Protein backbone atom coordinates (compact mmCIF):
# COMPACT_ATOMS: atom_id res chain seq x y z
CA MET A 1 0.01 -0.08 0.01
CA LYS A 2 1.11 3.53 -0.67
CA PHE A 3 -0.42 6.94 0.02
CA LYS A 4 0.63 10.69 0.56
CA ILE A 5 -1.33 12.55 3.34
CA GLU A 6 -0.82 15.82 5.09
CA ARG A 7 0.29 15.51 8.65
CA GLU A 8 -2.80 17.74 9.79
CA MET A 9 -5.20 15.18 7.95
CA LEU A 10 -3.64 12.19 9.73
CA LEU A 11 -3.07 13.55 13.46
CA GLY A 12 -6.61 14.01 14.73
CA PRO A 13 -8.07 10.77 13.49
CA LEU A 14 -4.85 8.75 14.40
CA ALA A 15 -4.98 10.32 18.11
CA THR A 16 -8.61 9.16 18.26
CA VAL A 17 -8.20 5.70 17.05
CA THR A 18 -4.90 5.26 19.35
CA GLY A 19 -6.72 6.27 22.41
CA VAL A 20 -8.57 2.86 22.27
CA VAL A 21 -4.99 1.04 22.23
CA GLU A 22 -3.80 -0.07 25.65
CA ARG A 23 -0.33 0.31 26.40
CA ARG A 24 0.12 -3.22 27.79
CA GLN A 25 -1.07 -5.97 25.39
CA THR A 26 -1.94 -9.78 25.70
CA LEU A 27 -1.45 -10.01 22.05
CA PRO A 28 1.42 -7.90 20.03
CA ILE A 29 -1.16 -7.12 17.26
CA LEU A 30 -3.04 -5.17 19.91
CA ALA A 31 -0.78 -2.45 20.11
CA ASN A 32 -1.00 -1.75 16.23
CA VAL A 33 -3.39 0.34 14.21
CA PHE A 34 -4.92 -1.36 11.14
CA MET A 35 -4.73 0.78 7.98
CA ARG A 36 -6.31 0.13 4.75
CA MET A 37 -5.91 1.98 1.41
CA GLU A 38 -8.99 1.40 -0.66
CA GLU A 39 -10.28 3.51 -3.51
CA ASN A 40 -8.44 6.66 -2.49
CA ARG A 41 -9.80 6.33 1.09
CA LEU A 42 -7.69 5.48 4.04
CA THR A 43 -9.31 3.56 6.82
CA LEU A 44 -7.67 3.45 10.51
CA VAL A 45 -8.95 1.05 13.03
CA GLY A 46 -7.91 0.61 16.78
CA THR A 47 -9.07 -1.75 19.23
CA ASP A 48 -8.57 -3.65 22.63
CA LEU A 49 -11.15 -6.32 22.03
CA GLU A 50 -13.59 -4.48 24.18
CA VAL A 51 -13.74 -1.24 22.10
CA GLU A 52 -13.09 -0.75 18.39
CA ILE A 53 -12.94 2.79 16.67
CA SER A 54 -12.65 3.07 13.17
CA ILE A 55 -12.24 6.45 11.08
CA GLU A 56 -12.03 7.18 7.47
CA ILE A 57 -10.04 9.44 5.74
CA GLY A 58 -10.96 10.42 2.08
CA THR A 59 -9.71 11.83 -1.44
CA LEU A 60 -6.20 10.63 -0.98
CA SER A 61 -3.74 9.54 -3.89
CA GLY A 62 -2.02 6.31 -3.61
CA GLU A 63 -2.20 2.37 -4.11
CA ASP A 64 -4.52 0.02 -2.50
CA GLY A 65 -3.36 -2.29 0.24
CA GLU A 66 -3.55 -2.88 3.88
CA CYS A 67 -1.17 -3.21 6.96
CA THR A 68 -0.82 -2.76 10.79
CA VAL A 69 1.91 -0.86 12.45
CA THR A 70 2.68 0.14 16.16
CA ALA A 71 0.08 2.88 16.85
CA ARG A 72 1.94 4.96 19.32
CA LYS A 73 5.25 5.02 17.75
CA LEU A 74 3.21 6.36 14.42
CA LEU A 75 1.31 8.95 16.54
CA ASP A 76 4.57 10.22 18.11
CA ILE A 77 6.17 10.41 14.94
CA CYS A 78 3.27 12.37 13.33
CA ARG A 79 3.35 14.69 16.19
CA ALA A 80 7.02 15.51 16.09
CA LEU A 81 6.94 16.36 12.25
CA PRO A 82 6.29 20.30 11.39
CA GLU A 83 2.53 21.23 11.37
CA THR A 84 2.81 21.76 7.45
CA ALA A 85 4.68 18.40 6.78
CA THR A 86 3.55 16.05 3.99
CA ILE A 87 4.00 12.29 4.61
CA ASP A 88 4.60 9.61 1.89
CA PHE A 89 3.75 6.38 3.48
CA SER A 90 4.30 2.86 1.99
CA GLY A 91 3.99 -0.58 3.59
CA GLU A 92 5.28 -3.71 2.07
CA GLY A 93 5.75 -7.14 3.74
CA ASP A 94 6.81 -6.87 7.57
CA LYS A 95 7.90 -3.16 6.98
CA VAL A 96 6.33 0.27 6.80
CA LYS A 97 8.54 3.30 5.46
CA MET A 98 7.52 7.19 5.89
CA ARG A 99 9.40 9.86 4.28
CA SER A 100 8.63 13.58 5.14
CA GLY A 101 11.05 16.35 3.74
CA ARG A 102 14.46 14.85 5.09
CA SER A 103 13.09 12.46 7.77
CA ARG A 104 12.95 8.79 7.25
CA PHE A 105 11.49 6.17 9.45
CA THR A 106 11.02 2.36 9.06
CA LEU A 107 8.64 0.61 11.19
CA GLN A 108 8.01 -2.95 12.07
CA ALA A 109 4.57 -4.27 10.62
CA LEU A 110 2.41 -7.23 11.33
CA PRO A 111 0.14 -8.90 9.06
CA SER A 112 -3.30 -7.30 8.57
CA LYS A 113 -5.06 -10.79 8.58
CA ASP A 114 -4.23 -11.35 11.98
CA PHE A 115 -5.80 -7.96 13.08
CA PRO A 116 -9.04 -9.00 15.33
CA ARG A 117 -12.31 -7.05 14.61
CA LEU A 118 -15.45 -6.85 17.11
CA GLU A 119 -18.20 -9.01 15.70
CA ALA A 120 -21.40 -7.15 17.05
CA GLY A 121 -23.94 -9.33 15.01
CA ASN A 122 -27.57 -7.96 14.43
CA TRP A 123 -28.73 -4.66 15.86
CA GLU A 124 -32.10 -4.63 17.76
CA GLU A 125 -32.55 -0.96 18.13
CA ARG A 126 -31.54 1.99 16.03
CA PHE A 127 -32.07 5.78 16.68
CA LYS A 128 -30.45 9.05 15.87
CA MET A 129 -29.62 12.42 17.78
CA PRO A 130 -27.54 15.33 17.74
CA GLN A 131 -24.04 14.64 18.78
CA PRO A 132 -23.72 17.37 21.34
CA GLU A 133 -26.95 16.10 23.16
CA LEU A 134 -25.49 12.57 23.63
CA ARG A 135 -22.17 13.83 24.70
CA ASN A 136 -23.86 16.33 27.08
CA LEU A 137 -25.95 13.19 28.61
CA PHE A 138 -22.42 11.40 29.31
CA ASP A 139 -20.72 14.50 30.66
CA ARG A 140 -23.33 15.30 33.06
CA THR A 141 -23.27 11.71 34.64
CA ALA A 142 -20.16 9.73 34.00
CA PHE A 143 -17.99 11.40 36.85
CA SER A 144 -20.46 9.36 39.28
CA MET A 145 -19.38 6.01 37.71
CA ALA A 146 -17.58 3.60 40.19
CA GLN A 147 -13.96 2.76 39.58
CA GLN A 148 -13.02 -1.05 40.06
CA ASP A 149 -16.02 -1.71 42.12
CA VAL A 150 -16.79 -5.43 42.73
CA ARG A 151 -20.30 -4.59 41.65
CA TYR A 152 -19.02 -4.52 38.23
CA PHE A 153 -22.47 -3.37 36.83
CA LEU A 154 -21.52 0.03 38.52
CA ASN A 155 -18.03 0.51 36.52
CA GLY A 156 -20.05 2.18 33.75
CA VAL A 157 -22.89 4.29 32.75
CA LEU A 158 -26.57 3.31 32.07
CA ILE A 159 -28.32 4.23 28.85
CA GLU A 160 -31.97 3.69 29.21
CA LEU A 161 -34.37 4.10 26.53
CA ASP A 162 -38.27 4.63 27.11
CA GLY A 163 -39.89 5.52 23.89
CA LYS A 164 -39.31 9.08 23.60
CA THR A 165 -36.98 9.62 25.89
CA ILE A 166 -33.04 8.65 26.51
CA THR A 167 -31.69 8.75 30.01
CA THR A 168 -28.05 8.00 31.26
CA VAL A 169 -27.49 7.14 34.86
CA ALA A 170 -24.33 6.73 36.94
CA THR A 171 -23.76 5.91 40.52
CA ASP A 172 -20.77 4.50 42.89
CA GLY A 173 -23.16 3.75 45.76
CA HIS A 174 -22.70 7.07 47.42
CA ARG A 175 -23.73 9.50 44.73
CA LEU A 176 -25.97 8.92 41.84
CA ALA A 177 -26.38 11.16 38.51
CA ARG A 178 -29.15 11.05 36.24
CA SER A 179 -29.64 13.04 33.10
CA GLN A 180 -32.46 12.83 30.32
CA THR A 181 -33.45 14.35 27.17
CA ALA A 182 -36.27 13.64 24.47
CA LEU A 183 -35.62 11.83 21.37
CA SER A 184 -36.47 13.45 18.04
CA SER A 185 -37.06 9.98 16.61
CA PRO A 186 -38.71 7.52 19.17
CA ALA A 187 -37.09 4.42 20.17
CA SER A 188 -39.14 1.20 19.36
CA ALA A 189 -38.82 -0.42 22.78
CA GLN A 190 -37.82 -0.07 26.37
CA ARG A 191 -34.26 -0.93 26.83
CA GLN A 192 -31.28 -0.83 29.18
CA ALA A 193 -27.49 -1.00 28.26
CA ILE A 194 -24.59 -0.40 30.64
CA VAL A 195 -21.54 1.04 28.48
CA PRO A 196 -18.10 0.31 30.33
CA ARG A 197 -15.94 2.81 31.97
CA LYS A 198 -13.23 2.68 29.15
CA ALA A 199 -15.83 3.19 26.30
CA VAL A 200 -17.34 6.10 28.04
CA ALA A 201 -14.06 7.90 28.11
CA GLU A 202 -13.46 7.03 24.61
CA LEU A 203 -16.91 8.36 23.68
CA GLY A 204 -16.29 11.74 24.96
CA ARG A 205 -13.25 11.99 22.51
CA PHE A 206 -14.86 10.23 19.70
CA LEU A 207 -17.95 12.63 19.68
CA GLY A 208 -15.71 15.56 19.90
CA GLU A 209 -16.05 19.22 20.39
CA GLY A 210 -18.45 21.53 18.51
CA ALA A 211 -19.63 18.76 15.96
CA ASP A 212 -23.16 19.33 14.93
CA ASP A 213 -23.74 16.26 13.13
CA ASP A 214 -26.41 13.54 14.00
CA VAL A 215 -24.88 10.20 15.54
CA THR A 216 -26.62 6.76 14.80
CA VAL A 217 -27.03 4.99 18.07
CA GLU A 218 -27.35 0.97 17.56
CA ILE A 219 -27.86 -1.37 20.38
CA ASN A 220 -28.06 -5.00 20.80
CA ALA A 221 -27.70 -7.42 23.85
CA ASN A 222 -23.95 -7.34 23.95
CA HIS A 223 -22.92 -4.41 22.15
CA ILE A 224 -23.43 -0.62 21.22
CA CYS A 225 -22.39 1.16 18.01
CA LEU A 226 -22.09 4.65 17.49
CA SER A 227 -21.59 6.10 13.94
CA LYS A 228 -21.23 9.46 12.50
CA PRO A 229 -20.06 10.35 8.97
CA GLY A 230 -16.60 8.72 8.24
CA ALA A 231 -16.40 7.15 11.82
CA THR A 232 -17.75 4.48 13.96
CA MET A 233 -17.15 3.14 17.41
CA ILE A 234 -18.39 -0.25 18.79
CA SER A 235 -18.03 -1.50 22.31
CA LYS A 236 -19.11 -4.51 24.31
CA LEU A 237 -21.97 -3.85 27.06
CA ILE A 238 -21.36 -4.83 30.88
CA ASP A 239 -23.62 -7.84 31.17
CA GLY A 240 -25.49 -7.13 34.74
CA LYS A 241 -28.42 -5.52 35.94
CA PHE A 242 -28.31 -1.98 36.95
CA PRO A 243 -29.94 -1.00 40.43
CA ASP A 244 -33.31 0.41 40.58
CA TYR A 245 -32.27 4.31 40.67
CA LYS A 246 -35.86 5.50 40.41
CA ALA A 247 -36.56 3.91 43.91
CA VAL A 248 -33.41 5.33 45.09
CA MET A 249 -34.29 8.92 43.70
CA ALA A 250 -37.74 8.60 45.13
CA GLN A 251 -36.77 10.04 48.47
CA VAL A 252 -39.31 12.48 50.24
CA LEU A 253 -37.21 15.82 50.35
CA ASN A 254 -39.36 18.67 51.56
CA GLN A 255 -36.75 21.26 52.58
CA LYS A 256 -35.35 23.45 49.62
CA MET A 257 -32.62 26.03 49.35
CA THR A 258 -31.55 28.05 46.17
CA THR A 259 -28.27 29.92 45.97
CA ASP A 260 -25.80 31.09 43.55
CA ARG A 261 -23.91 28.02 42.07
CA ARG A 262 -20.72 29.74 41.24
CA GLN A 263 -20.62 31.00 45.00
CA PHE A 264 -21.55 27.93 46.39
CA TYR A 265 -18.65 26.02 44.27
CA GLU A 266 -16.09 28.69 45.65
CA VAL A 267 -17.09 28.32 49.18
CA LEU A 268 -16.82 24.49 49.07
CA ALA A 269 -13.51 24.90 47.13
CA ARG A 270 -12.10 27.22 50.01
CA THR A 271 -13.28 25.12 52.91
CA ALA A 272 -12.20 21.83 51.32
CA VAL A 273 -8.54 22.65 51.71
CA LEU A 274 -8.66 21.62 55.25
CA THR A 275 -10.79 18.53 55.08
CA ASN A 276 -9.42 15.12 56.03
CA GLU A 277 -7.67 13.96 52.88
CA LYS A 278 -8.77 10.43 52.99
CA TYR A 279 -12.60 10.83 53.62
CA ARG A 280 -12.94 14.73 52.38
CA GLY A 281 -15.88 15.40 54.93
CA ILE A 282 -17.44 18.65 55.06
CA ARG A 283 -20.29 19.85 57.39
CA LEU A 284 -23.25 21.95 56.00
CA GLU A 285 -25.34 23.96 58.54
CA PHE A 286 -28.65 25.11 57.02
CA SER A 287 -30.69 28.07 58.43
CA PRO A 288 -33.24 30.51 57.32
CA GLY A 289 -31.27 32.83 54.90
CA SER A 290 -27.76 31.31 55.27
CA LEU A 291 -25.55 28.21 54.96
CA LYS A 292 -22.65 27.71 57.08
CA VAL A 293 -19.77 25.40 55.81
CA SER A 294 -17.09 24.11 57.93
CA ALA A 295 -14.49 21.39 57.88
CA HIS A 296 -11.34 20.34 60.05
CA ASN A 297 -8.67 17.65 59.70
CA PRO A 298 -6.64 15.40 62.16
CA GLU A 299 -4.15 17.96 62.25
CA HIS A 300 -6.77 19.94 64.28
CA GLU A 301 -6.99 22.63 61.39
CA GLU A 302 -10.29 24.21 61.01
CA ALA A 303 -12.14 26.31 58.23
CA THR A 304 -15.50 27.89 58.26
CA ASP A 305 -17.38 30.06 55.71
CA GLU A 306 -20.74 31.42 55.11
CA ILE A 307 -23.06 32.20 52.17
CA PRO A 308 -26.39 33.66 51.95
CA VAL A 309 -28.85 31.43 50.53
CA ASP A 310 -32.62 31.43 49.78
CA TYR A 311 -33.91 29.14 52.63
CA ALA A 312 -36.68 29.18 54.87
CA GLY A 313 -36.96 25.51 56.30
CA SER A 314 -35.97 24.27 59.76
CA GLU A 315 -32.17 24.13 60.89
CA ILE A 316 -30.17 21.32 59.54
CA GLU A 317 -26.88 20.04 60.06
CA ILE A 318 -25.39 17.37 57.74
CA GLY A 319 -22.15 15.96 56.30
CA PHE A 320 -21.03 15.15 52.77
CA ASN A 321 -18.12 14.58 50.82
CA VAL A 322 -17.14 17.95 49.44
CA THR A 323 -15.94 16.35 46.29
CA TYR A 324 -19.06 14.77 45.27
CA LEU A 325 -20.89 18.21 45.88
CA MET A 326 -18.14 20.17 43.89
CA ASP A 327 -18.59 17.49 41.03
CA ALA A 328 -22.17 17.87 40.81
CA LEU A 329 -22.10 21.91 40.92
CA LYS A 330 -19.41 21.93 38.27
CA ALA A 331 -21.33 19.81 35.94
CA LEU A 332 -24.51 22.06 36.11
CA SER A 333 -24.69 24.90 33.76
CA THR A 334 -27.32 27.43 35.27
CA ASP A 335 -26.32 30.44 37.25
CA GLN A 336 -28.52 29.36 40.28
CA VAL A 337 -28.82 26.02 41.90
CA GLU A 338 -31.39 24.44 43.85
CA ALA A 339 -30.73 21.82 46.91
CA GLU A 340 -33.57 19.54 48.02
CA LEU A 341 -33.31 17.82 51.52
CA GLN A 342 -34.91 16.64 54.40
CA ASP A 343 -32.71 16.09 57.55
CA SER A 344 -29.22 14.86 58.52
CA ASN A 345 -29.88 11.29 57.62
CA THR A 346 -31.45 11.68 54.04
CA GLY A 347 -29.63 12.54 50.96
CA CYS A 348 -29.28 15.87 49.04
CA MET A 349 -30.63 16.42 45.63
CA LEU A 350 -29.18 19.06 43.44
CA HIS A 351 -30.52 20.45 40.13
CA GLU A 352 -31.16 23.54 38.23
CA PRO A 353 -34.07 25.74 39.44
CA ASP A 354 -37.38 24.55 37.76
CA ASN A 355 -35.66 21.81 35.62
CA ASP A 356 -35.34 18.27 36.82
CA ASP A 357 -33.92 16.69 33.50
CA THR A 358 -30.61 16.36 35.37
CA LEU A 359 -30.62 15.39 38.96
CA TYR A 360 -27.66 14.60 41.43
CA LEU A 361 -28.47 12.71 44.57
CA ILE A 362 -25.68 12.67 47.17
CA MET A 363 -25.93 10.65 50.42
CA PRO A 364 -25.03 12.08 53.68
CA MET A 365 -21.78 10.89 55.62
CA ARG A 366 -20.94 10.92 59.31
CA LEU A 367 -18.58 13.45 60.67
């Protein structure tokens, strides 16, 4: 195979595909990127056998063929070349040669026929939605995923389809994030699918910033596929049953507080400096018109701060992990934030005023 390509055309797609490739591999070929030149189109594929991303780059001149080459070395070479560089690429046998200006590189290649691909089977559900909307759903929930929890079904984000609505949910057992939006084209049936942590991280890069194209989502019992013009991402799903999050969120929370979101975040950030580094506990004291925030640590250091709030309920003193509160406030986008709570033993629900499309439930902690 042979082709000529500008560095800038190759760099972005190559970086996206290489993101899937794990640094430590059980099979040597999994460290490689698959490259196919066919009818003046270059296809790049990267996989770790759990997630696969393929991207097409069009209108290139060259000769048809295919090969696999070490993904990270290829990416590092492209990054090191000048921005205006043009790369001449040729693959033959077990070697790949690259030429740009006076630079010459020879890389080892492995047979393309040995490159494994994800076989997803038949898709049972298909719908389209705007790329920014899908990315936003994951951005607003993914940070609440568990990390390496023995309850493996928590190490991912739930996608739930309910006719006209798509909902994403993530929880680590201490906090729960839920975001939903309406589908422009209704889904044919109710369905749940748990997207694993690795795929969620790659999905953010795959959907990219500022792209307004629709993305087609396809789901079956074991896989999910996202496709947009010139690019496809397939991931295995987590085989497990997600907890009944609706029952968890159905707590009776009658006390409501509204305050400036940025001001709330900043007072938490200041006070958090003197929290216990392991447990990150912070105390909130609600009283009419005021919220007092305090923290202390094993070195007997203390911090207290206070902000005005719109609150007319009873006095409540409650402890939280400050990181959980700050993550939720950062994910919201309005100037004001509303908190719903009941007493020191129930959770706190954060959301945008008059809008419950995105909800964050944070459970209290003993201080």
